[in-house]
Amino acid sequence: MTETTPRPAPGRILEGPLFSERMRIETAEANGAAGWTLAVLAMTA
């Protein structure tokens, strides 16, 4: 992770080709030096 890459944090929104819809981070825990364990929820329209 670089200085310009935001850390995963609850409330942040994820979107991109890995997801069929926008996802909101519910929990984020560091998992080693460069890993994260996230709990995400789909945001429905």
Foldseek 3Di string as FASTA:
>chain_A
DDPPDDDQDAQDWDDDDVDPAIKGWHDWDDDPDPDIDTDIDGDDD
